[in-house]
Amino acid sequence: MARPIKETPVLTGKDAVRFVHEMKQNEGKKVDPKVRERMKQNFSKLQGIQQF
């Protein structure tokens, strides 16, 4: 039987400030097209072998 999923803790203090700062730094960045293509290929491979 599956274990229950715990609630995600709320970030506070220094952790919250660091998280917001990092989000703002990466806001306009895009993934390299080569990396994106590799990710799509890996996703397709995983879809082909999945079994539910």
PDB file of N, CA and C in Angstrom:
ATOM      1  N   MET A   1       0.835  -1.175   0.000  1.00  0.00           N
ATOM      2  CA  MET A   1       0.000   0.000   0.000  1.00  0.00           C
ATOM      3  C   MET A   1       0.886   1.246   0.000  1.00  0.00           C
ATOM      4  N   ALA A   2       0.444   2.285  -0.665  1.00  0.00           N
ATOM      5  CA  ALA A   2       1.235   3.512  -0.793  1.00  0.00           C
ATOM      6  C   ALA A   2       1.278   4.286   0.516  1.00  0.00           C
ATOM      7  N   ARG A   3       2.355   4.974   0.701  1.00  0.00           N
ATOM      8  CA  ARG A   3       2.492   5.834   1.879  1.00  0.00           C
ATOM      9  C   ARG A   3       1.774   7.149   1.618  1.00  0.00           C
ATOM     10  N   PRO A   4       1.200   7.735   2.647  1.00  0.00           N
ATOM     11  CA  PRO A   4       0.542   9.033   2.447  1.00  0.00           C
ATOM     12  C   PRO A   4       1.567  10.126   2.131  1.00  0.00           C
ATOM     13  N   ILE A   5       1.157  11.058   1.307  1.00  0.00           N
ATOM     14  CA  ILE A   5       2.026  12.165   0.922  1.00  0.00           C
ATOM     15  C   ILE A   5       1.902  13.269   1.963  1.00  0.00           C
ATOM     16  N   LYS A   6       3.035  13.700   2.483  1.00  0.00           N
ATOM     17  CA  LYS A   6       3.035  14.754   3.489  1.00  0.00           C
ATOM     18  C   LYS A   6       2.840  16.112   2.820  1.00  0.00           C
ATOM     19  N   GLU A   7       2.326  17.061   3.581  1.00  0.00           N
ATOM     20  CA  GLU A   7       2.155  18.415   3.071  1.00  0.00           C
ATOM     21  C   GLU A   7       3.512  19.056   2.825  1.00  0.00           C
ATOM     22  N   THR A   8       3.586  19.895   1.796  1.00  0.00           N
ATOM     23  CA  THR A   8       4.814  20.617   1.497  1.00  0.00           C
ATOM     24  C   THR A   8       4.960  21.752   2.512  1.00  0.00           C
ATOM     25  N   PRO A   9       6.108  21.847   3.180  1.00  0.00           N
ATOM     26  CA  PRO A   9       6.285  22.902   4.167  1.00  0.00           C
ATOM     27  C   PRO A   9       6.347  24.284   3.516  1.00  0.00           C
ATOM     28  N   VAL A  10       5.899  25.280   4.240  1.00  0.00           N
ATOM     29  CA  VAL A  10       5.929  26.661   3.768  1.00  0.00           C
ATOM     30  C   VAL A  10       7.316  27.228   4.034  1.00  0.00           C
ATOM     31  N   LEU A  11       7.875  27.900   3.027  1.00  0.00           N
ATOM     32  CA  LEU A  11       9.186  28.517   3.205  1.00  0.00           C
ATOM     33  C   LEU A  11       9.046  29.806   3.998  1.00  0.00           C
ATOM     34  N   THR A  12       9.950  29.999   4.941  1.00  0.00           N
ATOM     35  CA  THR A  12       9.941  31.215   5.747  1.00  0.00           C
ATOM     36  C   THR A  12      11.376  31.686   5.949  1.00  0.00           C
ATOM     37  N   GLY A  13      11.517  32.919   6.332  1.00  0.00           N
ATOM     38  CA  GLY A  13      12.827  33.470   6.678  1.00  0.00           C
ATOM     39  C   GLY A  13      13.800  33.518   5.520  1.00  0.00           C
ATOM     40  N   LYS A  14      15.043  33.134   5.801  1.00  0.00           N
ATOM     41  CA  LYS A  14      16.115  33.196   4.805  1.00  0.00           C
ATOM     42  C   LYS A  14      15.833  32.291   3.611  1.00  0.00           C
ATOM     43  N   ASP A  15      15.228  31.136   3.852  1.00  0.00           N
ATOM     44  CA  ASP A  15      14.920  30.218   2.754  1.00  0.00           C
ATOM     45  C   ASP A  15      13.950  30.857   1.770  1.00  0.00           C
ATOM     46  N   ALA A  16      12.953  31.548   2.269  1.00  0.00           N
ATOM     47  CA  ALA A  16      11.968  32.199   1.404  1.00  0.00           C
ATOM     48  C   ALA A  16      12.611  33.327   0.603  1.00  0.00           C
ATOM     49  N   VAL A  17      13.454  34.109   1.243  1.00  0.00           N
ATOM     50  CA  VAL A  17      14.129  35.213   0.565  1.00  0.00           C
ATOM     51  C   VAL A  17      15.038  34.668  -0.533  1.00  0.00           C
ATOM     52  N   ARG A  18      15.793  33.611  -0.237  1.00  0.00           N
ATOM     53  CA  ARG A  18      16.687  33.004  -1.221  1.00  0.00           C
ATOM     54  C   ARG A  18      15.887  32.438  -2.398  1.00  0.00           C
ATOM     55  N   PHE A  19      14.768  31.787  -2.116  1.00  0.00           N
ATOM     56  CA  PHE A  19      13.938  31.217  -3.172  1.00  0.00           C
ATOM     57  C   PHE A  19      13.424  32.302  -4.115  1.00  0.00           C
ATOM     58  N   VAL A  20      12.892  33.385  -3.563  1.00  0.00           N
ATOM     59  CA  VAL A  20      12.376  34.478  -4.388  1.00  0.00           C
ATOM     60  C   VAL A  20      13.490  35.098  -5.213  1.00  0.00           C
ATOM     61  N   HIS A  21      14.652  35.284  -4.606  1.00  0.00           N
ATOM     62  CA  HIS A  21      15.801  35.861  -5.320  1.00  0.00           C
ATOM     63  C   HIS A  21      16.205  34.978  -6.506  1.00  0.00           C
ATOM     64  N   GLU A  22      16.293  33.670  -6.296  1.00  0.00           N
ATOM     65  CA  GLU A  22      16.674  32.752  -7.365  1.00  0.00           C
ATOM     66  C   GLU A  22      15.605  32.698  -8.460  1.00  0.00           C
ATOM     67  N   MET A  23      14.343  32.794  -8.091  1.00  0.00           N
ATOM     68  CA  MET A  23      13.272  32.797  -9.086  1.00  0.00           C
ATOM     69  C   MET A  23      13.362  34.037  -9.973  1.00  0.00           C
ATOM     70  N   LYS A  24      13.660  35.176  -9.365  1.00  0.00           N
ATOM     71  CA  LYS A  24      13.779  36.418 -10.138  1.00  0.00           C
ATOM     72  C   LYS A  24      14.993  36.376 -11.061  1.00  0.00           C
ATOM     73  N   GLN A  25      16.097  35.762 -10.622  1.00  0.00           N
ATOM     74  CA  GLN A  25      17.293  35.658 -11.449  1.00  0.00           C
ATOM     75  C   GLN A  25      17.043  34.803 -12.688  1.00  0.00           C
ATOM     76  N   ASN A  26      16.243  33.772 -12.550  1.00  0.00           N
ATOM     77  CA  ASN A  26      16.015  32.824 -13.647  1.00  0.00           C
ATOM     78  C   ASN A  26      14.754  33.119 -14.441  1.00  0.00           C
ATOM     79  N   GLU A  27      14.110  34.220 -14.164  1.00  0.00           N
ATOM     80  CA  GLU A  27      12.818  34.527 -14.773  1.00  0.00           C
ATOM     81  C   GLU A  27      12.883  34.600 -16.303  1.00  0.00           C
ATOM     82  N   GLY A  28      13.891  35.223 -16.861  1.00  0.00           N
ATOM     83  CA  GLY A  28      13.950  35.415 -18.297  1.00  0.00           C
ATOM     84  C   GLY A  28      14.798  34.397 -19.042  1.00  0.00           C
ATOM     85  N   LYS A  29      15.400  33.461 -18.337  1.00  0.00           N
ATOM     86  CA  LYS A  29      16.294  32.499 -18.974  1.00  0.00           C
ATOM     87  C   LYS A  29      15.501  31.429 -19.706  1.00  0.00           C
ATOM     88  N   LYS A  30      16.048  30.981 -20.838  1.00  0.00           N
ATOM     89  CA  LYS A  30      15.431  29.913 -21.603  1.00  0.00           C
ATOM     90  C   LYS A  30      16.395  28.742 -21.697  1.00  0.00           C
ATOM     91  N   VAL A  31      15.831  27.567 -21.905  1.00  0.00           N
ATOM     92  CA  VAL A  31      16.636  26.358 -22.034  1.00  0.00           C
ATOM     93  C   VAL A  31      17.259  26.315 -23.422  1.00  0.00           C
ATOM     94  N   ASP A  32      18.508  25.883 -23.487  1.00  0.00           N
ATOM     95  CA  ASP A  32      19.223  25.733 -24.750  1.00  0.00           C
ATOM     96  C   ASP A  32      18.444  24.772 -25.655  1.00  0.00           C
ATOM     97  N   PRO A  33      18.280  25.090 -26.939  1.00  0.00           N
ATOM     98  CA  PRO A  33      17.523  24.216 -27.853  1.00  0.00           C
ATOM     99  C   PRO A  33      18.049  22.778 -27.909  1.00  0.00           C
ATOM    100  N   LYS A  34      19.366  22.596 -27.790  1.00  0.00           N
ATOM    101  CA  LYS A  34      19.930  21.243 -27.798  1.00  0.00           C
ATOM    102  C   LYS A  34      19.476  20.455 -26.570  1.00  0.00           C
ATOM    103  N   VAL A  35      19.466  21.125 -25.433  1.00  0.00           N
ATOM    104  CA  VAL A  35      19.032  20.476 -24.194  1.00  0.00           C
ATOM    105  C   VAL A  35      17.546  20.147 -24.278  1.00  0.00           C
ATOM    106  N   ARG A  36      16.760  21.060 -24.807  1.00  0.00           N
ATOM    107  CA  ARG A  36      15.323  20.837 -24.949  1.00  0.00           C
ATOM    108  C   ARG A  36      15.043  19.625 -25.846  1.00  0.00           C
ATOM    109  N   GLU A  37      15.767  19.508 -26.943  1.00  0.00           N
ATOM    110  CA  GLU A  37      15.583  18.384 -27.869  1.00  0.00           C
ATOM    111  C   GLU A  37      15.953  17.068 -27.188  1.00  0.00           C
ATOM    112  N   ARG A  38      17.065  17.074 -26.420  1.00  0.00           N
ATOM    113  CA  ARG A  38      17.468  15.870 -25.693  1.00  0.00           C
ATOM    114  C   ARG A  38      16.400  15.465 -24.680  1.00  0.00           C
ATOM    115  N   MET A  39      15.811  16.450 -24.007  1.00  0.00           N
ATOM    116  CA  MET A  39      14.758  16.171 -23.040  1.00  0.00           C
ATOM    117  C   MET A  39      13.536  15.554 -23.721  1.00  0.00           C
ATOM    118  N   LYS A  40      13.170  16.068 -24.887  1.00  0.00           N
ATOM    119  CA  LYS A  40      12.031  15.524 -25.628  1.00  0.00           C
ATOM    120  C   LYS A  40      12.293  14.083 -26.051  1.00  0.00           C
ATOM    121  N   GLN A  41      13.517  13.804 -26.507  1.00  0.00           N
ATOM    122  CA  GLN A  41      13.861  12.443 -26.913  1.00  0.00           C
ATOM    123  C   GLN A  41      13.798  11.487 -25.722  1.00  0.00           C
ATOM    124  N   ASN A  42      14.331  11.910 -24.581  1.00  0.00           N
ATOM    125  CA  ASN A  42      14.275  11.072 -23.380  1.00  0.00           C
ATOM    126  C   ASN A  42      12.835  10.838 -22.938  1.00  0.00           C
ATOM    127  N   PHE A  43      12.006  11.851 -23.048  1.00  0.00           N
ATOM    128  CA  PHE A  43      10.602  11.720 -22.676  1.00  0.00           C
ATOM    129  C   PHE A  43       9.917  10.698 -23.576  1.00  0.00           C
ATOM    130  N   SER A  44      10.193  10.766 -24.870  1.00  0.00           N
ATOM    131  CA  SER A  44       9.603   9.816 -25.816  1.00  0.00           C
ATOM    132  C   SER A  44      10.037   8.392 -25.508  1.00  0.00           C
ATOM    133  N   LYS A  45      11.306   8.202 -25.168  1.00  0.00           N
ATOM    134  CA  LYS A  45      11.798   6.871 -24.818  1.00  0.00           C
ATOM    135  C   LYS A  45      11.071   6.337 -23.583  1.00  0.00           C
ATOM    136  N   LEU A  46      10.913   7.182 -22.582  1.00  0.00           N
ATOM    137  CA  LEU A  46      10.247   6.757 -21.356  1.00  0.00           C
ATOM    138  C   LEU A  46       8.769   6.437 -21.589  1.00  0.00           C
ATOM    139  N   GLN A  47       8.128   7.194 -22.460  1.00  0.00           N
ATOM    140  CA  GLN A  47       6.733   6.912 -22.784  1.00  0.00           C
ATOM    141  C   GLN A  47       6.611   5.544 -23.437  1.00  0.00           C
ATOM    142  N   GLY A  48       7.589   5.177 -24.248  1.00  0.00           N
ATOM    143  CA  GLY A  48       7.551   3.912 -24.948  1.00  0.00           C
ATOM    144  C   GLY A  48       7.706   2.702 -24.044  1.00  0.00           C
ATOM    145  N   ILE A  49       8.374   2.861 -22.896  1.00  0.00           N
ATOM    146  CA  ILE A  49       8.623   1.712 -22.022  1.00  0.00           C
ATOM    147  C   ILE A  49       7.723   1.694 -20.791  1.00  0.00           C
ATOM    148  N   GLN A  50       6.905   2.707 -20.613  1.00  0.00           N
ATOM    149  CA  GLN A  50       6.070   2.734 -19.403  1.00  0.00           C
ATOM    150  C   GLN A  50       4.973   1.690 -19.469  1.00  0.00           C
ATOM    151  N   GLN A  51       4.647   1.137 -18.328  1.00  0.00           N
ATOM    152  CA  GLN A  51       3.579   0.149 -18.225  1.00  0.00           C
ATOM    153  C   GLN A  51       2.764   0.444 -16.982  1.00  0.00           C
ATOM    154  N   PHE A  52       1.455   0.592 -17.183  1.00  0.00           N
ATOM    155  CA  PHE A  52       0.564   0.826 -16.039  1.00  0.00           C
ATOM    156  C   PHE A  52      -0.491  -0.224 -15.991  1.00  0.00           C
TER     157      PHE A  52
END
